[in-house]
C-alpha atoms as a PDB file:
ATOM      1  CA  MET A   1     -34.791 -67.689 112.436  1.00  0.00           C
ATOM      2  CA  THR A   2     -34.432 -64.339 110.762  1.00  0.00           C
ATOM      3  CA  SER A   3     -31.368 -63.654 108.686  1.00  0.00           C
ATOM      4  CA  ARG A   4     -29.905 -60.201 108.960  1.00  0.00           C
ATOM      5  CA  PRO A   5     -27.699 -58.729 106.321  1.00  0.00           C
ATOM      6  CA  ARG A   6     -24.159 -58.468 107.589  1.00  0.00           C
ATOM      7  CA  ARG A   7     -22.251 -55.241 107.375  1.00  0.00           C
ATOM      8  CA  MET A   8     -18.970 -55.315 105.588  1.00  0.00           C
ATOM      9  CA  PRO A   9     -16.074 -53.839 107.600  1.00  0.00           C
ATOM     10  CA  ARG A  10     -15.348 -50.282 106.492  1.00  0.00           C
ATOM     11  CA  PRO A  11     -11.733 -50.854 105.260  1.00  0.00           C
ATOM     12  CA  THR A  12     -12.877 -53.816 103.174  1.00  0.00           C
ATOM     13  CA  ALA A  13     -15.759 -51.860 101.659  1.00  0.00           C
ATOM     14  CA  LEU A  14     -13.480 -48.923 100.863  1.00  0.00           C
ATOM     15  CA  ALA A  15     -10.866 -51.170  99.250  1.00  0.00           C
ATOM     16  CA  SER A  16     -13.536 -52.939  97.190  1.00  0.00           C
ATOM     17  CA  ALA A  17     -15.021 -49.665  95.957  1.00  0.00           C
ATOM     18  CA  THR A  18     -11.582 -48.303  95.073  1.00  0.00           C
ATOM     19  CA  ALA A  19     -10.623 -51.478  93.188  1.00  0.00           C
ATOM     20  CA  ALA A  20     -13.892 -51.450  91.242  1.00  0.00           C
ATOM     21  CA  GLY A  21     -13.377 -47.814  90.252  1.00  0.00           C
ATOM     22  CA  LEU A  22      -9.790 -48.509  89.171  1.00  0.00           C
ATOM     23  CA  LEU A  23     -10.854 -51.486  87.054  1.00  0.00           C
ATOM     24  CA  LEU A  24     -13.513 -49.388  85.333  1.00  0.00           C
ATOM     25  CA  ALA A  25     -10.969 -46.660  84.584  1.00  0.00           C
ATOM     26  CA  LEU A  26      -8.461 -49.173  83.209  1.00  0.00           C
ATOM     27  CA  ALA A  27     -11.102 -50.804  81.031  1.00  0.00           C
ATOM     28  CA  ALA A  28     -11.971 -47.429  79.518  1.00  0.00           C
ATOM     29  CA  ALA A  29      -8.324 -46.450  78.889  1.00  0.00           C
ATOM     30  CA  PRO A  30      -6.582 -47.482  75.678  1.00  0.00           C
ATOM     31  CA  SER A  31      -3.927 -50.114  76.285  1.00  0.00           C
ATOM     32  CA  ALA A  32      -0.414 -48.938  75.487  1.00  0.00           C
ATOM     33  CA  ALA A  33      -1.682 -46.899  72.578  1.00  0.00           C
ATOM     34  CA  ALA A  34       0.279 -43.961  71.267  1.00  0.00           C
ATOM     35  CA  SER A  35      -1.355 -40.598  71.506  1.00  0.00           C
ATOM     36  CA  ASP A  36      -1.243 -37.876  68.882  1.00  0.00           C
ATOM     37  CA  ALA A  37       1.143 -35.927  71.093  1.00  0.00           C
ATOM     38  CA  PRO A  38       4.792 -36.033  70.118  1.00  0.00           C
ATOM     39  CA  ALA A  39       7.359 -36.896  72.762  1.00  0.00           C
ATOM     40  CA  PRO A  40       9.094 -33.900  74.367  1.00  0.00           C
ATOM     41  CA  GLU A  41      12.113 -32.548  72.495  1.00  0.00           C
ATOM     42  CA  CYS A  42      14.391 -33.742  75.305  1.00  0.00           C
ATOM     43  CA  VAL A  43      13.643 -37.355  74.250  1.00  0.00           C
ATOM     44  CA  VAL A  44      15.795 -38.236  71.235  1.00  0.00           C
ATOM     45  CA  TYR A  45      16.466 -41.311  69.114  1.00  0.00           C
ATOM     46  CA  HIS A  46      19.383 -42.681  67.129  1.00  0.00           C
ATOM     47  CA  GLN A  47      18.436 -45.338  64.619  1.00  0.00           C
ATOM     48  CA  GLY A  48      20.501 -47.972  62.915  1.00  0.00           C
ATOM     49  CA  TRP A  49      19.905 -51.031  60.822  1.00  0.00           C
ATOM     50  CA  ARG A  50      19.215 -53.351  63.779  1.00  0.00           C
ATOM     51  CA  TYR A  51      18.264 -51.050  66.652  1.00  0.00           C
ATOM     52  CA  THR A  52      16.767 -47.679  67.463  1.00  0.00           C
ATOM     53  CA  ASP A  53      18.043 -46.266  70.745  1.00  0.00           C
ATOM     54  CA  VAL A  54      15.758 -43.812  72.525  1.00  0.00           C
ATOM     55  CA  VAL A  55      17.253 -41.612  75.267  1.00  0.00           C
ATOM     56  CA  ASN A  56      15.307 -39.544  77.792  1.00  0.00           C
ATOM     57  CA  GLY A  57      17.216 -36.303  78.340  1.00  0.00           C
ATOM     58  CA  CYS A  58      14.325 -34.812  80.339  1.00  0.00           C
ATOM     59  CA  ALA A  59      14.367 -34.080  84.061  1.00  0.00           C
ATOM     60  CA  ILE A  60      11.233 -36.243  84.508  1.00  0.00           C
ATOM     61  CA  GLY A  61      10.138 -39.715  83.409  1.00  0.00           C
ATOM     62  CA  VAL A  62       8.380 -40.099  80.060  1.00  0.00           C
ATOM     63  CA  ALA A  63       6.371 -42.973  78.530  1.00  0.00           C
ATOM     64  CA  VAL A  64       7.283 -43.209  74.838  1.00  0.00           C
ATOM     65  CA  THR A  65       6.788 -45.369  71.792  1.00  0.00           C
ATOM     66  CA  VAL A  66       8.273 -45.278  68.300  1.00  0.00           C
ATOM     67  CA  GLU A  67       6.260 -44.645  65.136  1.00  0.00           C
ATOM     68  CA  TYR A  68       7.537 -46.341  61.959  1.00  0.00           C
ATOM     69  CA  THR A  69       6.937 -45.710  58.248  1.00  0.00           C
ATOM     70  CA  ASN A  70       4.945 -48.936  57.812  1.00  0.00           C
ATOM     71  CA  GLY A  71       2.838 -48.508  60.974  1.00  0.00           C
ATOM     72  CA  GLN A  72       4.648 -51.287  62.846  1.00  0.00           C
ATOM     73  CA  GLU A  73       3.591 -51.640  66.494  1.00  0.00           C
ATOM     74  CA  ALA A  74       6.174 -50.688  69.097  1.00  0.00           C
ATOM     75  CA  PRO A  75       5.882 -51.235  72.851  1.00  0.00           C
ATOM     76  CA  CYS A  76       5.271 -48.354  75.216  1.00  0.00           C
ATOM     77  CA  ARG A  77       8.255 -47.911  77.504  1.00  0.00           C
ATOM     78  CA  ILE A  78       8.642 -45.728  80.574  1.00  0.00           C
ATOM     79  CA  LEU A  79      12.021 -43.996  80.668  1.00  0.00           C
ATOM     80  CA  GLY A  80      13.245 -42.226  83.765  1.00  0.00           C
ATOM     81  CA  PRO A  81      15.562 -39.225  83.496  1.00  0.00           C
ATOM     82  CA  GLY A  82      18.741 -40.231  81.650  1.00  0.00           C
ATOM     83  CA  GLU A  83      17.451 -43.730  80.828  1.00  0.00           C
ATOM     84  CA  ARG A  84      17.510 -45.339  77.409  1.00  0.00           C
ATOM     85  CA  ALA A  85      15.505 -48.060  75.666  1.00  0.00           C
ATOM     86  CA  THR A  86      16.111 -50.095  72.537  1.00  0.00           C
ATOM     87  CA  PHE A  87      13.460 -50.520  69.840  1.00  0.00           C
ATOM     88  CA  ALA A  88      13.634 -52.202  66.433  1.00  0.00           C
ATOM     89  CA  GLY A  89      15.841 -50.628  63.774  1.00  0.00           C
ATOM     90  CA  TYR A  90      14.904 -49.893  60.182  1.00  0.00           C
ATOM     91  CA  GLY A  91      16.005 -53.332  58.902  1.00  0.00           C
ATOM     92  CA  THR A  92      16.338 -54.525  55.325  1.00  0.00           C
ATOM     93  CA  ASN A  93      12.915 -53.119  54.363  1.00  0.00           C
ATOM     94  CA  GLY A  94      13.815 -49.532  55.263  1.00  0.00           C
ATOM     95  CA  ASN A  95      11.147 -49.258  57.985  1.00  0.00           C
ATOM     96  CA  TYR A  96      12.408 -45.930  59.322  1.00  0.00           C
ATOM     97  CA  VAL A  97      11.323 -44.138  62.472  1.00  0.00           C
ATOM     98  CA  THR A  98       9.037 -41.212  61.667  1.00  0.00           C
ATOM     99  CA  ALA A  99       8.348 -39.931  65.207  1.00  0.00           C
ATOM    100  CA  LEU A 100       8.458 -40.536  68.929  1.00  0.00           C
ATOM    101  CA  ARG A 101       5.076 -40.360  70.653  1.00  0.00           C
ATOM    102  CA  VAL A 102       3.949 -40.280  74.265  1.00  0.00           C
ATOM    103  CA  CYS A 103       1.891 -43.315  75.220  1.00  0.00           C
ATOM    104  CA  ALA A 104      -0.052 -44.927  78.037  1.00  0.00           C
ATOM    105  CA  PRO A 105       1.888 -47.876  79.454  1.00  0.00           C
ATOM    106  CA  PRO A 106       0.023 -51.131  79.926  1.00  0.00           C
ATOM    107  CA  PRO A 107      -1.326 -51.759  83.438  1.00  0.00           C
ATOM    108  CA  ALA A 108       1.033 -53.646  85.714  1.00  0.00           C
END
């Protein structure tokens, strides 16, 4: 009895190749890291002792993170037009916000 290699159905092969390419691209991308690019000027923040509110005043969605004086990590958040997000405030140690940066959100 001779065994013949079976052919994979075309949709399955295409889906497998696409998934493999996507996984390679995600593995090469930094995870939720801030870039050197500042957030657009239409994204603004208001900081207080407990919270820092970030508001997207842009006409498009923006992924942003907050940069603090002590280098504290902040999550990357995607804000649609007119949306707001809350980050940590400056607290008792005076850890003030120094900038808003665009970032790459973590994969879903």
